[in-house]
N, C-alpha and C. Protein backbone atom coordinates (compact mmCIF):
# COMPACT_ATOMS: atom_id res chain seq x y z
N MET A 1 -12.18 1.86 28.58
CA MET A 1 -11.69 1.51 27.66
C MET A 1 -11.45 3.02 26.96
N THR A 2 -9.42 2.95 25.99
CA THR A 2 -10.09 4.41 25.10
C THR A 2 -10.08 4.17 23.45
N PRO A 3 -11.48 4.60 23.08
CA PRO A 3 -11.34 3.97 21.97
C PRO A 3 -10.46 4.78 21.22
N VAL A 4 -10.32 3.97 19.58
CA VAL A 4 -9.32 4.15 19.16
C VAL A 4 -10.16 5.39 17.55
N ARG A 5 -9.06 6.66 17.43
CA ARG A 5 -9.19 7.55 16.74
C ARG A 5 -8.29 7.72 15.99
N ARG A 6 -7.18 7.50 15.58
CA ARG A 6 -6.07 8.59 14.68
C ARG A 6 -6.41 7.42 13.49
N GLU A 7 -5.91 7.91 12.02
CA GLU A 7 -5.71 7.20 11.05
C GLU A 7 -4.51 6.32 11.15
N PRO A 8 -4.15 5.84 10.87
CA PRO A 8 -5.76 4.81 9.68
C PRO A 8 -5.94 3.21 10.98
N LEU A 9 -7.16 3.40 10.50
CA LEU A 9 -7.99 3.58 11.72
C LEU A 9 -7.58 1.69 12.29
N ALA A 10 -7.86 0.75 11.36
CA ALA A 10 -7.12 -0.80 11.02
C ALA A 10 -5.71 -0.77 11.89
N GLU A 11 -4.77 -0.28 11.63
CA GLU A 11 -3.82 -0.10 12.28
C GLU A 11 -3.68 -0.23 13.74
N GLN A 12 -4.92 1.38 14.20
CA GLN A 12 -4.77 1.55 15.58
C GLN A 12 -5.33 0.09 16.21
N ALA A 13 -6.29 -0.27 15.46
CA ALA A 13 -6.72 -0.95 16.45
C ALA A 13 -6.32 -2.62 16.01
N ALA A 14 -5.19 -2.30 15.80
CA ALA A 14 -3.82 -3.78 15.88
C ALA A 14 -3.50 -3.69 16.42
N ASP A 15 -2.90 -1.89 16.97
CA ASP A 15 -1.91 -1.80 17.85
C ASP A 15 -2.40 -2.52 19.47
N ALA A 16 -4.14 -1.98 19.66
CA ALA A 16 -5.09 -1.63 20.87
C ALA A 16 -4.63 -3.42 20.75
N LEU A 17 -5.05 -4.26 20.24
CA LEU A 17 -5.01 -5.54 20.22
C LEU A 17 -4.10 -6.10 20.54
N LEU A 18 -3.42 -5.19 20.24
CA LEU A 18 -1.49 -6.50 20.12
C LEU A 18 -1.64 -6.02 22.45
N ALA A 19 -1.90 -4.69 22.47
CA ALA A 19 -1.41 -4.04 24.03
C ALA A 19 -2.20 -4.98 25.15
N ARG A 20 -3.53 -5.63 24.19
CA ARG A 20 -4.02 -6.03 26.12
C ARG A 20 -3.65 -7.51 25.65
N ILE A 21 -3.19 -7.83 24.67
CA ILE A 21 -2.39 -9.31 24.77
C ILE A 21 -0.81 -9.11 25.38
N ARG A 22 -0.50 -8.73 24.71
CA ARG A 22 0.94 -8.03 25.90
C ARG A 22 0.86 -7.57 27.25
N ASP A 23 -0.95 -7.57 27.69
CA ASP A 23 -1.05 -7.01 28.87
C ASP A 23 -1.54 -8.74 30.07
N GLY A 24 -1.55 -9.81 28.77
CA GLY A 24 -2.24 -10.73 29.80
C GLY A 24 -3.77 -11.12 29.51
N GLU A 25 -4.40 -9.67 28.54
CA GLU A 25 -5.73 -9.63 29.08
C GLU A 25 -6.26 -11.26 28.29
N TRP A 26 -5.30 -11.72 27.02
CA TRP A 26 -5.68 -13.28 26.39
C TRP A 26 -4.23 -13.79 26.75
N VAL A 27 -4.24 -14.78 26.79
CA VAL A 27 -3.11 -16.13 27.18
C VAL A 27 -3.05 -16.65 25.58
N LEU A 28 -1.76 -17.44 25.97
CA LEU A 28 -1.65 -18.15 25.13
C LEU A 28 -3.04 -19.30 24.25
N GLY A 29 -3.36 -19.54 22.87
CA GLY A 29 -4.10 -20.08 22.91
C GLY A 29 -5.95 -20.07 23.39
N ALA A 30 -5.59 -18.85 23.66
CA ALA A 30 -7.12 -18.17 24.05
C ALA A 30 -7.92 -17.25 23.03
N LYS A 31 -9.39 -17.60 22.70
CA LYS A 31 -10.34 -16.99 21.91
C LYS A 31 -10.65 -16.03 22.13
N LEU A 32 -10.55 -14.70 21.46
CA LEU A 32 -10.62 -13.01 21.13
C LEU A 32 -12.47 -13.21 21.24
N PRO A 33 -13.25 -12.68 21.72
CA PRO A 33 -14.43 -11.97 21.59
C PRO A 33 -14.66 -11.88 20.42
N GLY A 34 -15.81 -12.14 20.37
CA GLY A 34 -16.19 -11.38 18.73
C GLY A 34 -15.93 -10.40 17.83
N GLU A 35 -16.70 -10.59 16.88
CA GLU A 35 -16.85 -8.15 16.44
C GLU A 35 -17.23 -7.95 17.19
N THR A 36 -18.44 -7.52 17.09
CA THR A 36 -19.55 -7.00 17.93
C THR A 36 -18.98 -6.49 19.24
N THR A 37 -18.47 -7.76 19.71
CA THR A 37 -17.74 -7.38 20.99
C THR A 37 -16.97 -6.36 20.99
N LEU A 38 -15.50 -6.58 19.93
CA LEU A 38 -14.18 -5.84 20.31
C LEU A 38 -14.58 -4.35 19.22
N ALA A 39 -15.74 -4.17 18.60
CA ALA A 39 -15.51 -2.98 18.11
C ALA A 39 -16.33 -1.72 19.02
N PRO A 40 -17.66 -2.23 19.50
CA PRO A 40 -17.61 -1.47 21.05
C PRO A 40 -16.68 -0.81 21.80
N GLN A 41 -15.46 -1.52 21.85
CA GLN A 41 -14.15 -1.39 23.18
C GLN A 41 -13.69 -0.92 22.31
N LEU A 42 -13.67 -0.77 20.91
CA LEU A 42 -12.41 0.01 20.42
C LEU A 42 -12.89 1.10 19.87
N GLY A 43 -14.18 1.50 19.46
CA GLY A 43 -14.85 2.35 19.24
C GLY A 43 -14.50 2.12 17.60
N VAL A 44 -14.61 0.95 16.97
CA VAL A 44 -14.59 0.94 15.50
C VAL A 44 -15.22 0.11 14.59
N GLY A 45 -15.79 0.73 13.49
CA GLY A 45 -16.95 -0.78 12.73
C GLY A 45 -16.71 -2.18 12.90
N ARG A 46 -16.99 -2.72 12.72
CA ARG A 46 -16.86 -4.42 12.91
C ARG A 46 -15.31 -4.47 11.03
N SER A 47 -16.00 -4.06 10.93
CA SER A 47 -14.85 -4.62 9.36
C SER A 47 -13.56 -3.82 9.61
N THR A 48 -13.15 -2.68 10.66
CA THR A 48 -11.88 -1.80 10.79
C THR A 48 -11.23 -3.61 11.51
N VAL A 49 -11.93 -3.77 12.80
CA VAL A 49 -11.63 -4.81 13.69
C VAL A 49 -11.44 -5.86 12.69
N ARG A 50 -12.50 -6.74 11.67
CA ARG A 50 -11.24 -7.27 10.38
C ARG A 50 -9.98 -7.26 9.77
N GLU A 51 -9.55 -5.96 9.90
CA GLU A 51 -8.71 -5.76 9.23
C GLU A 51 -7.51 -5.45 9.66
N ALA A 52 -8.23 -5.06 11.54
CA ALA A 52 -6.99 -4.90 12.60
C ALA A 52 -6.31 -7.02 12.62
N ILE A 53 -7.68 -7.79 12.56
CA ILE A 53 -7.59 -8.98 13.28
C ILE A 53 -6.50 -9.04 11.57
N ARG A 54 -6.73 -9.02 11.07
CA ARG A 54 -6.23 -9.63 9.83
C ARG A 54 -4.49 -8.91 9.52
N HIS A 55 -4.17 -7.93 9.98
CA HIS A 55 -3.33 -7.76 9.99
C HIS A 55 -2.42 -8.71 10.84
N LEU A 56 -2.89 -8.76 12.64
CA LEU A 56 -1.65 -9.62 13.72
C LEU A 56 -1.83 -10.88 12.62
N ALA A 57 -2.51 -11.29 12.38
CA ALA A 57 -2.84 -12.74 11.60
C ALA A 57 -1.49 -12.90 10.95
N GLY A 58 -1.22 -12.24 9.83
CA GLY A 58 -0.33 -11.86 9.13
C GLY A 58 0.98 -11.84 9.88
N ARG A 59 1.20 -11.13 10.80
CA ARG A 59 2.02 -10.63 11.65
C ARG A 59 2.58 -12.06 13.03
N GLY A 60 1.33 -12.99 12.85
CA GLY A 60 1.81 -13.77 13.16
C GLY A 60 1.17 -14.19 14.97
N VAL A 61 0.57 -13.36 15.07
CA VAL A 61 0.02 -13.23 16.26
C VAL A 61 -1.39 -14.08 16.79
N LEU A 62 -1.93 -13.76 15.63
CA LEU A 62 -3.65 -14.31 15.97
C LEU A 62 -3.68 -15.28 14.32
N ALA A 63 -4.74 -16.24 15.08
CA ALA A 63 -4.70 -16.48 13.05
C ALA A 63 -6.85 -17.01 13.73
N SER A 64 -6.93 -17.11 12.55
CA SER A 64 -8.74 -17.37 12.54
C SER A 64 -9.04 -18.97 11.93
N ARG A 65 -10.11 -19.32 12.53
CA ARG A 65 -9.93 -21.16 12.60
C ARG A 65 -12.02 -21.22 12.33
N GLN A 66 -12.33 -21.03 11.12
CA GLN A 66 -12.92 -21.31 9.88
C GLN A 66 -14.29 -22.06 11.21
N GLY A 67 -15.74 -21.36 11.44
CA GLY A 67 -15.97 -21.85 12.03
C GLY A 67 -15.74 -21.80 13.76
N ALA A 68 -14.38 -21.57 13.72
CA ALA A 68 -14.33 -21.33 15.72
C ALA A 68 -14.30 -20.39 16.00
N GLY A 69 -13.46 -19.25 15.39
CA GLY A 69 -13.04 -18.09 15.25
C GLY A 69 -11.84 -17.62 15.35
N VAL A 70 -11.39 -16.62 16.48
CA VAL A 70 -10.21 -16.30 16.52
C VAL A 70 -8.87 -16.28 17.69
N PHE A 71 -8.30 -16.79 17.61
CA PHE A 71 -6.72 -17.20 18.75
C PHE A 71 -5.38 -16.40 18.74
N VAL A 72 -5.20 -16.15 19.75
CA VAL A 72 -3.65 -15.91 19.78
C VAL A 72 -2.64 -17.04 19.66
N THR A 73 -2.13 -16.72 19.08
CA THR A 73 -0.79 -17.70 18.53
C THR A 73 1.00 -17.27 18.43
N ALA A 74 0.79 -16.39 19.55
CA ALA A 74 1.71 -15.61 19.65
C ALA A 74 1.35 -14.36 20.86
N LEU A 75 1.63 -13.95 21.72
CA LEU A 75 2.04 -12.76 22.51
C LEU A 75 2.94 -11.79 22.02
N ASP A 76 3.52 -11.83 21.41
CA ASP A 76 3.91 -10.65 20.61
C ASP A 76 4.47 -11.28 19.15
N VAL A 77 5.26 -9.86 17.71
CA VAL A 77 5.38 -10.04 17.38
C VAL A 77 7.00 -10.27 17.00
N GLN A 78 7.49 -10.72 16.34
CA GLN A 78 8.72 -10.95 15.69
C GLN A 78 8.97 -10.16 15.19
N ASP A 79 9.77 -8.66 15.65
CA ASP A 79 9.86 -7.87 14.92
C ASP A 79 11.13 -7.90 13.89
N GLY A 80 11.91 -8.40 14.19
CA GLY A 80 13.08 -8.59 13.77
C GLY A 80 12.62 -9.37 12.29
N LEU A 81 12.57 -10.27 12.78
CA LEU A 81 11.90 -11.68 11.26
C LEU A 81 10.63 -10.81 10.68
N ASP A 82 9.41 -10.10 11.15
CA ASP A 82 8.57 -9.47 10.40
C ASP A 82 9.04 -8.28 9.58
N ASP A 83 10.24 -8.16 10.15
CA ASP A 83 10.40 -6.43 9.39
C ASP A 83 11.59 -7.27 7.92
N VAL A 84 12.63 -7.64 8.00
CA VAL A 84 12.99 -8.68 7.13
C VAL A 84 12.24 -9.21 5.98
N LEU A 85 11.11 -10.08 6.75
CA LEU A 85 9.68 -10.95 5.53
C LEU A 85 9.09 -9.81 4.61
N ARG A 86 8.76 -8.50 5.57
CA ARG A 86 8.11 -7.35 4.89
C ARG A 86 9.08 -6.26 3.77
N HIS A 87 10.29 -6.33 3.96
CA HIS A 87 11.28 -5.72 3.40
C HIS A 87 11.56 -6.09 1.67
N ALA A 88 11.51 -7.82 2.59
CA ALA A 88 11.86 -8.27 1.10
C ALA A 88 10.99 -8.92 0.37
N ASP A 89 9.38 -8.58 0.78
CA ASP A 89 7.89 -8.46 -0.16
C ASP A 89 8.29 -7.26 -0.64
N ILE A 90 8.18 -6.62 0.21
CA ILE A 90 8.28 -4.90 -0.74
C ILE A 90 9.11 -4.48 -2.11
N THR A 91 10.99 -5.55 -1.65
CA THR A 91 12.27 -5.27 -2.46
C THR A 91 11.11 -5.67 -3.87
N ALA A 92 10.97 -6.76 -3.47
CA ALA A 92 10.48 -8.00 -4.88
C ALA A 92 9.21 -7.05 -5.79
N VAL A 93 8.53 -6.74 -4.74
CA VAL A 93 6.54 -6.25 -5.41
C VAL A 93 7.35 -4.92 -6.10
N VAL A 94 8.57 -3.86 -6.14
CA VAL A 94 9.01 -3.05 -6.98
C VAL A 94 10.27 -3.61 -7.99
N GLU A 95 10.54 -4.19 -7.45
CA GLU A 95 10.99 -4.89 -8.97
C GLU A 95 10.70 -5.26 -9.82
N ALA A 96 8.86 -5.91 -9.36
CA ALA A 96 8.20 -6.27 -10.30
C ALA A 96 7.29 -5.08 -11.11
N ARG A 97 7.32 -3.86 -10.50
CA ARG A 97 6.67 -2.45 -10.55
C ARG A 97 7.78 -2.28 -11.66
N ILE A 98 8.83 -2.34 -11.56
CA ILE A 98 10.07 -1.40 -12.22
C ILE A 98 9.60 -2.33 -14.01
N ALA A 99 9.69 -3.94 -13.82
CA ALA A 99 9.33 -4.55 -14.84
C ALA A 99 8.12 -3.89 -15.80
N ILE A 100 7.77 -3.65 -15.36
CA ILE A 100 6.31 -3.30 -16.15
C ILE A 100 5.55 -2.28 -16.25
N GLU A 101 6.34 -1.15 -15.12
CA GLU A 101 6.12 0.17 -15.61
C GLU A 101 6.87 1.25 -16.19
N VAL A 102 8.14 0.63 -16.04
CA VAL A 102 9.06 1.22 -16.80
C VAL A 102 9.33 1.12 -18.68
N GLU A 103 8.67 0.10 -18.88
CA GLU A 103 8.71 -0.17 -20.40
C GLU A 103 7.46 0.20 -20.56
N ALA A 104 6.66 0.63 -19.49
CA ALA A 104 4.99 1.16 -20.14
C ALA A 104 5.25 2.64 -19.97
N SER A 105 6.48 2.69 -19.36
CA SER A 105 6.41 5.14 -19.11
C SER A 105 7.09 4.95 -20.96
N SER A 106 7.47 4.54 -21.05
CA SER A 106 8.65 4.07 -22.67
C SER A 106 8.18 4.23 -23.08
N LEU A 107 6.88 3.24 -23.45
CA LEU A 107 5.99 3.40 -24.68
C LEU A 107 4.76 4.45 -24.68
N ALA A 108 4.64 4.58 -23.24
CA ALA A 108 3.26 5.88 -23.34
C ALA A 108 3.96 7.47 -23.63
N ALA A 109 5.22 7.45 -23.79
CA ALA A 109 5.78 8.44 -24.43
C ALA A 109 5.86 8.50 -26.28
N GLU A 110 5.31 7.20 -26.39
CA GLU A 110 5.34 7.93 -27.75
C GLU A 110 4.28 7.02 -28.79
N ARG A 111 3.25 6.58 -28.05
CA ARG A 111 1.83 6.61 -28.05
C ARG A 111 0.64 7.32 -27.83
N ARG A 112 0.79 8.04 -26.39
CA ARG A 112 -0.61 8.81 -25.34
C ARG A 112 -0.69 9.39 -26.34
N THR A 113 -2.10 9.52 -26.30
CA THR A 113 -3.76 10.42 -27.12
C THR A 113 -3.02 11.57 -26.15
N PRO A 114 -4.05 12.56 -26.57
CA PRO A 114 -4.18 13.81 -25.27
C PRO A 114 -5.18 14.26 -24.78
N ALA A 115 -5.94 12.89 -24.60
CA ALA A 115 -7.11 13.31 -24.06
C ALA A 115 -6.50 11.95 -22.72
N GLU A 116 -5.56 10.98 -23.14
CA GLU A 116 -4.94 9.80 -22.18
C GLU A 116 -3.88 11.29 -21.29
N LEU A 117 -3.81 11.84 -22.01
CA LEU A 117 -2.34 12.97 -20.84
C LEU A 117 -2.25 13.85 -20.40
N ARG A 118 -3.72 13.85 -20.48
CA ARG A 118 -5.16 15.51 -19.61
C ARG A 118 -6.08 14.19 -18.05
N ALA A 119 -5.77 13.04 -18.81
CA ALA A 119 -6.18 12.10 -17.35
C ALA A 119 -5.19 12.00 -16.83
N MET A 120 -4.05 12.25 -16.86
CA MET A 120 -2.57 11.90 -15.61
C MET A 120 -2.50 13.26 -15.74
N ARG A 121 -2.75 14.10 -15.69
CA ARG A 121 -2.67 15.26 -15.14
C ARG A 121 -3.79 15.27 -14.03
N ARG A 122 -4.87 14.69 -14.95
CA ARG A 122 -5.10 15.66 -13.22
C ARG A 122 -5.10 13.97 -12.55
N ALA A 123 -4.40 12.65 -12.60
CA ALA A 123 -4.53 11.71 -11.92
C ALA A 123 -3.34 11.69 -10.70
N VAL A 124 -2.58 12.58 -11.01
CA VAL A 124 -1.69 13.84 -10.37
C VAL A 124 -1.98 14.86 -9.16
N ASP A 125 -2.55 15.43 -9.87
CA ASP A 125 -3.27 16.07 -8.96
C ASP A 125 -4.48 15.69 -8.35
N HIS A 126 -5.07 14.71 -8.44
CA HIS A 126 -5.80 13.84 -7.44
C HIS A 126 -5.15 13.19 -6.59
N ARG A 127 -4.40 12.99 -6.56
CA ARG A 127 -3.13 11.81 -5.99
C ARG A 127 -2.27 13.06 -5.25
N GLN A 128 -2.24 13.60 -5.12
CA GLN A 128 -1.89 15.21 -4.29
C GLN A 128 -2.69 15.25 -3.39
N GLU A 129 -4.34 15.24 -3.71
CA GLU A 129 -5.16 15.74 -3.00
C GLU A 129 -5.28 14.49 -1.28
N ARG A 130 -5.10 13.19 -1.69
CA ARG A 130 -5.58 12.15 -1.31
C ARG A 130 -4.38 11.79 -0.61
N ARG A 131 -3.94 12.47 0.75
CA ARG A 131 -3.66 12.72 1.90
C ARG A 131 -4.13 12.35 3.06
N ALA A 132 -5.22 12.04 2.87
CA ALA A 132 -6.15 12.34 4.58
C ALA A 132 -4.98 10.96 5.13
N SER A 133 -5.57 9.68 4.43
CA SER A 133 -4.67 8.19 4.90
C SER A 133 -3.76 7.92 3.89
N ILE A 134 -3.63 6.92 4.43
CA ILE A 134 -2.02 5.88 3.43
C ILE A 134 -2.46 4.87 2.22
N GLU A 135 -3.87 4.63 2.61
CA GLU A 135 -4.63 3.74 1.38
C GLU A 135 -4.99 4.62 0.68
N GLN A 136 -5.53 5.50 1.12
CA GLN A 136 -6.36 6.65 0.25
C GLN A 136 -4.88 7.24 -0.96
N HIS A 137 -3.67 7.46 -0.54
CA HIS A 137 -2.46 7.50 -1.41
C HIS A 137 -2.11 7.13 -2.06
N VAL A 138 -2.21 5.81 -1.77
CA VAL A 138 -1.86 4.56 -2.51
C VAL A 138 -2.71 4.30 -3.26
N ASP A 139 -4.06 4.54 -3.30
CA ASP A 139 -5.17 4.14 -4.22
C ASP A 139 -5.02 5.25 -5.30
N ALA A 140 -4.78 6.05 -5.29
CA ALA A 140 -4.69 7.43 -5.93
C ALA A 140 -3.36 7.38 -6.60
N ASP A 141 -2.37 6.58 -6.24
CA ASP A 141 -0.91 6.16 -6.57
C ASP A 141 -1.00 5.76 -7.92
N THR A 142 -1.80 4.29 -7.28
CA THR A 142 -2.25 3.19 -8.26
C THR A 142 -2.60 3.50 -9.57
N ALA A 143 -4.40 4.67 -9.59
CA ALA A 143 -4.82 5.70 -10.62
C ALA A 143 -3.96 5.57 -11.19
N LEU A 144 -2.85 6.88 -10.81
CA LEU A 144 -1.97 7.50 -11.30
C LEU A 144 -0.72 6.57 -12.93
N HIS A 145 -0.33 5.89 -11.61
CA HIS A 145 0.67 5.28 -12.78
C HIS A 145 -0.10 3.68 -13.50
N ARG A 146 -1.74 3.42 -13.08
CA ARG A 146 -2.32 2.31 -14.15
C ARG A 146 -2.93 3.83 -15.64
N ALA A 147 -3.04 5.04 -14.91
CA ALA A 147 -3.12 5.76 -16.59
C ALA A 147 -2.36 5.94 -17.76
N ILE A 148 -0.90 5.33 -17.19
CA ILE A 148 -0.11 5.57 -17.85
C ILE A 148 0.32 4.11 -18.53
N VAL A 149 0.47 2.99 -17.64
CA VAL A 149 0.11 1.83 -18.74
C VAL A 149 -1.08 1.70 -19.58
N VAL A 150 -2.17 2.50 -19.40
CA VAL A 150 -3.52 1.88 -20.47
C VAL A 150 -2.20 2.54 -21.14
N ALA A 151 -1.74 4.29 -20.89
CA ALA A 151 -1.68 5.02 -22.64
C ALA A 151 -0.40 4.20 -23.48
N ALA A 152 -0.21 3.12 -22.59
CA ALA A 152 1.26 2.55 -23.51
C ALA A 152 0.33 1.79 -24.58
N HIS A 153 -1.17 1.58 -24.54
CA HIS A 153 -1.88 1.04 -25.54
C HIS A 153 -1.18 -0.83 -25.72
N SER A 154 -0.98 -1.10 -24.24
CA SER A 154 -0.40 -2.14 -24.57
C SER A 154 -1.71 -3.22 -23.91
N PRO A 155 -2.64 -4.08 -24.46
CA PRO A 155 -3.06 -4.91 -23.20
C PRO A 155 -2.63 -6.05 -22.00
N LEU A 156 -1.14 -6.57 -23.27
CA LEU A 156 -1.03 -7.76 -21.68
C LEU A 156 -0.48 -6.15 -20.97
N LEU A 157 0.32 -4.76 -20.90
CA LEU A 157 0.68 -5.03 -19.64
C LEU A 157 0.06 -4.11 -18.37
N THR A 158 -1.34 -3.93 -19.53
CA THR A 158 -2.33 -3.55 -18.67
C THR A 158 -3.39 -4.60 -17.78
N GLU A 159 -2.55 -5.56 -18.63
CA GLU A 159 -3.56 -6.86 -17.79
C GLU A 159 -3.04 -7.88 -16.50
N LEU A 160 -1.14 -7.63 -16.95
CA LEU A 160 -0.27 -7.61 -16.15
C LEU A 160 -0.44 -6.74 -14.72
N PHE A 161 -0.59 -5.70 -15.12
CA PHE A 161 -0.85 -4.10 -13.72
C PHE A 161 -1.74 -4.18 -13.01
N ASP A 162 -2.24 -4.81 -13.92
CA ASP A 162 -4.15 -5.15 -13.31
C ASP A 162 -4.12 -6.60 -12.25
N GLY A 163 -3.71 -7.19 -12.75
CA GLY A 163 -3.15 -8.82 -12.01
C GLY A 163 -2.37 -8.60 -10.63
N PHE A 164 -1.87 -7.33 -10.76
CA PHE A 164 -0.43 -7.63 -9.94
C PHE A 164 -0.72 -6.17 -8.73
N THR A 165 -2.09 -5.43 -9.12
CA THR A 165 -2.43 -5.14 -8.05
C THR A 165 -2.35 -4.66 -6.54
N PRO A 166 -3.28 -6.06 -6.44
CA PRO A 166 -3.50 -6.51 -5.37
C PRO A 166 -2.57 -5.95 -4.03
N ARG A 167 -1.19 -7.31 -4.56
CA ARG A 167 -0.46 -7.50 -3.80
C ARG A 167 0.45 -6.14 -4.45
N SER A 168 0.28 -5.40 -5.39
CA SER A 168 1.28 -4.10 -4.87
C SER A 168 0.72 -3.37 -4.07
N ARG A 169 -0.97 -3.03 -3.77
CA ARG A 169 -0.96 -2.09 -3.48
C ARG A 169 -0.52 -2.61 -1.38
N GLN A 170 -0.61 -3.60 -0.61
CA GLN A 170 -0.77 -3.65 0.26
C GLN A 170 0.93 -3.24 0.00
N ALA A 171 1.87 -4.06 -0.81
CA ALA A 171 3.30 -3.71 -0.18
C ALA A 171 3.34 -2.07 -0.24
N MET A 172 3.24 -1.55 -1.10
CA MET A 172 2.85 0.00 -0.81
C MET A 172 2.83 0.25 0.30
N ILE A 173 1.42 0.19 1.05
CA ILE A 173 0.97 0.51 2.01
C ILE A 173 1.58 -0.06 2.99
N GLU A 174 2.75 -0.81 3.33
CA GLU A 174 3.53 -1.18 3.88
C GLU A 174 4.10 -0.50 4.43
N LEU A 175 5.30 -0.02 2.87
CA LEU A 175 6.34 1.07 2.64
C LEU A 175 6.06 2.13 3.36
N LEU A 176 4.81 2.50 3.52
CA LEU A 176 4.49 4.23 4.09
C LEU A 176 4.21 3.81 5.38
N ARG A 177 4.10 2.54 5.99
CA ARG A 177 3.43 3.08 7.23
C ARG A 177 5.33 2.65 7.50
N ILE A 178 6.12 2.27 7.01
CA ILE A 178 6.91 1.55 7.51
C ILE A 178 8.29 2.91 7.28
N ASP A 179 7.82 3.97 6.51
CA ASP A 179 8.52 5.10 6.16
C ASP A 179 8.06 6.71 6.62
N GLY A 180 6.95 5.92 6.85
CA GLY A 180 6.30 7.55 7.62
C GLY A 180 5.39 8.50 6.92
N ALA A 181 6.15 8.91 5.55
CA ALA A 181 5.90 10.31 4.69
C ALA A 181 5.79 9.95 3.65
N TYR A 182 4.45 10.96 3.08
CA TYR A 182 4.20 10.55 1.57
C TYR A 182 2.85 11.62 1.04
N GLY A 183 3.40 11.89 0.12
CA GLY A 183 1.87 13.24 -0.62
C GLY A 183 3.31 14.11 0.00
N SER A 184 4.34 14.69 -0.57
CA SER A 184 5.41 16.02 -0.22
C SER A 184 5.56 16.08 -1.84
N GLU A 185 5.76 17.27 -1.45
CA GLU A 185 5.45 18.54 -2.94
C GLU A 185 7.01 18.20 -3.79
N ALA A 186 7.72 17.39 -3.23
CA ALA A 186 8.80 16.69 -3.20
C ALA A 186 8.65 15.40 -4.45
N ASP A 187 8.01 14.85 -3.69
CA ASP A 187 7.07 13.54 -4.25
C ASP A 187 6.95 14.25 -5.73
N ARG A 188 5.53 14.52 -5.50
CA ARG A 188 4.79 15.77 -6.62
C ARG A 188 5.69 15.73 -7.38
N ASP A 189 6.74 16.60 -7.41
CA ASP A 189 7.24 16.72 -8.55
C ASP A 189 8.10 15.60 -9.34
N VAL A 190 8.61 14.38 -8.51
CA VAL A 190 8.69 13.61 -9.51
C VAL A 190 7.64 12.92 -10.50
N HIS A 191 6.52 13.03 -9.36
CA HIS A 191 5.73 12.31 -11.21
C HIS A 191 4.95 13.66 -12.02
N ASP A 192 5.02 14.79 -11.54
CA ASP A 192 5.07 15.81 -12.79
C ASP A 192 6.16 15.49 -13.86
N ASP A 193 7.44 15.15 -13.48
CA ASP A 193 8.33 15.12 -14.32
C ASP A 193 8.25 13.81 -15.50
N ILE A 194 8.05 12.97 -14.71
CA ILE A 194 7.25 11.35 -15.67
C ILE A 194 6.41 11.64 -16.47
N VAL A 195 5.22 12.52 -16.21
CA VAL A 195 4.27 13.33 -16.80
C VAL A 195 4.87 13.95 -18.22
N ASP A 196 5.74 14.99 -17.21
CA ASP A 196 6.06 15.54 -18.99
C ASP A 196 6.83 14.71 -19.43
N ALA A 197 8.14 13.86 -19.03
CA ALA A 197 8.65 13.40 -20.18
C ALA A 197 7.38 12.55 -21.00
N ILE A 198 6.38 12.32 -20.78
CA ILE A 198 5.48 11.54 -21.72
C ILE A 198 5.11 12.57 -22.50
N ALA A 199 4.79 12.99 -22.13
CA ALA A 199 4.03 14.53 -22.99
C ALA A 199 4.87 15.05 -23.68
N ASP A 200 5.93 15.19 -23.73
CA ASP A 200 7.39 15.31 -24.30
C ASP A 200 7.76 14.53 -25.55
N ARG A 201 6.87 13.51 -25.68
CA ARG A 201 7.16 12.33 -26.37
C ARG A 201 8.59 12.41 -26.05
N ASP A 202 9.53 11.56 -24.60
CA ASP A 202 10.31 10.99 -24.85
C ASP A 202 10.48 10.25 -24.50
N PRO A 203 10.83 8.98 -24.93
CA PRO A 203 10.77 7.26 -24.26
C PRO A 203 11.79 7.28 -23.05
N ALA A 204 13.17 7.97 -23.74
CA ALA A 204 13.67 7.49 -22.56
C ALA A 204 14.18 8.39 -22.09
N ALA A 205 13.84 8.96 -21.96
CA ALA A 205 13.58 10.06 -20.08
C ALA A 205 12.49 9.54 -19.07
N ALA A 206 11.20 9.35 -20.24
CA ALA A 206 10.07 8.22 -19.13
C ALA A 206 10.73 6.83 -18.69
N ALA A 207 11.37 6.69 -18.96
CA ALA A 207 11.72 5.05 -18.75
C ALA A 207 12.62 5.37 -17.28
N ALA A 208 13.58 6.60 -17.89
CA ALA A 208 15.15 6.90 -16.32
C ALA A 208 13.91 7.42 -15.30
N ARG A 209 13.01 8.21 -15.73
CA ARG A 209 12.28 8.69 -14.96
C ARG A 209 11.60 7.81 -13.86
N THR A 210 10.99 7.17 -14.49
CA THR A 210 9.96 6.35 -14.04
C THR A 210 11.30 4.90 -12.91
N ARG A 211 12.10 4.77 -13.94
CA ARG A 211 13.35 3.46 -13.18
C ARG A 211 14.04 3.99 -11.97
N ALA A 212 14.37 5.57 -11.76
CA ALA A 212 14.45 6.31 -10.39
C ALA A 212 13.52 6.83 -9.58
N HIS A 213 12.74 6.66 -9.67
CA HIS A 213 11.46 6.65 -9.02
C HIS A 213 11.07 5.63 -8.12
N LEU A 214 10.87 4.43 -9.17
CA LEU A 214 11.09 2.93 -8.38
C LEU A 214 12.01 2.88 -7.34
N ARG A 215 12.73 2.64 -8.06
CA ARG A 215 14.36 2.26 -7.31
C ARG A 215 14.34 2.85 -5.73
N SER A 216 13.80 4.41 -5.85
CA SER A 216 14.08 4.90 -4.51
C SER A 216 13.02 4.90 -3.43
N LEU A 217 12.12 3.74 -3.82
CA LEU A 217 10.92 3.35 -3.15
C LEU A 217 11.94 2.01 -1.76
N THR A 218 12.52 1.44 -2.72
CA THR A 218 13.34 0.43 -2.21
C THR A 218 14.26 1.08 -1.21
N ALA A 219 15.37 1.71 -1.46
CA ALA A 219 15.81 3.12 -1.13
C ALA A 219 15.80 3.47 0.87
N ARG A 220 14.21 3.68 0.23
CA ARG A 220 14.00 4.78 1.82
C ARG A 220 13.20 3.18 3.33
N LEU A 221 13.71 1.89 2.67
CA LEU A 221 13.81 1.02 3.33
C LEU A 221 14.98 1.33 4.73
N GLY A 222 16.31 1.79 3.49
CA GLY A 222 17.29 1.89 4.84
C GLY A 222 17.94 0.38 4.68
């Protein structure tokens, strides 16, 4: 069996497992082999196998039963329904981000310190460097937006942002997987523009640019 080599590994491992299910290697209700068996077959680590299984469980193909193992619950994904649900979740997440981050950008333009502005600039550079995988890029993007929220000097907004981060992270990863493009120079320019407005202490521009950026994310879903 051909090992999985391309990034992101977990998604490729999930695709490989799904292909084997479609080919009839495991029938409906069958129990999959353990991680120690699947990992060398796929050419990945056990943690990647676990992530791939979680991915397919989220799409209704597999189910993990505590103490029993992982079982096949569908022979293929329901792409139409799955896409609708994923798009709806991403849209809801972006709407929540708008509620938190637009106000945070406005406040940051009024309250940011020179040190916080330097942290934002570094985060923009770091974000552009982290393009080896979608997950790395999303984490660097999150760090930049968090730096802006922190500069708002609103503990509650920071608490809301941090509490929402795990769900937001997964939604943004799904969005980039659907869209397939990230880390362009134009994308960097958008974030530079937001930080520039904060540097200029222009709350209206910071809020407007943040809102336009976040709304553009859902527009990419088509």
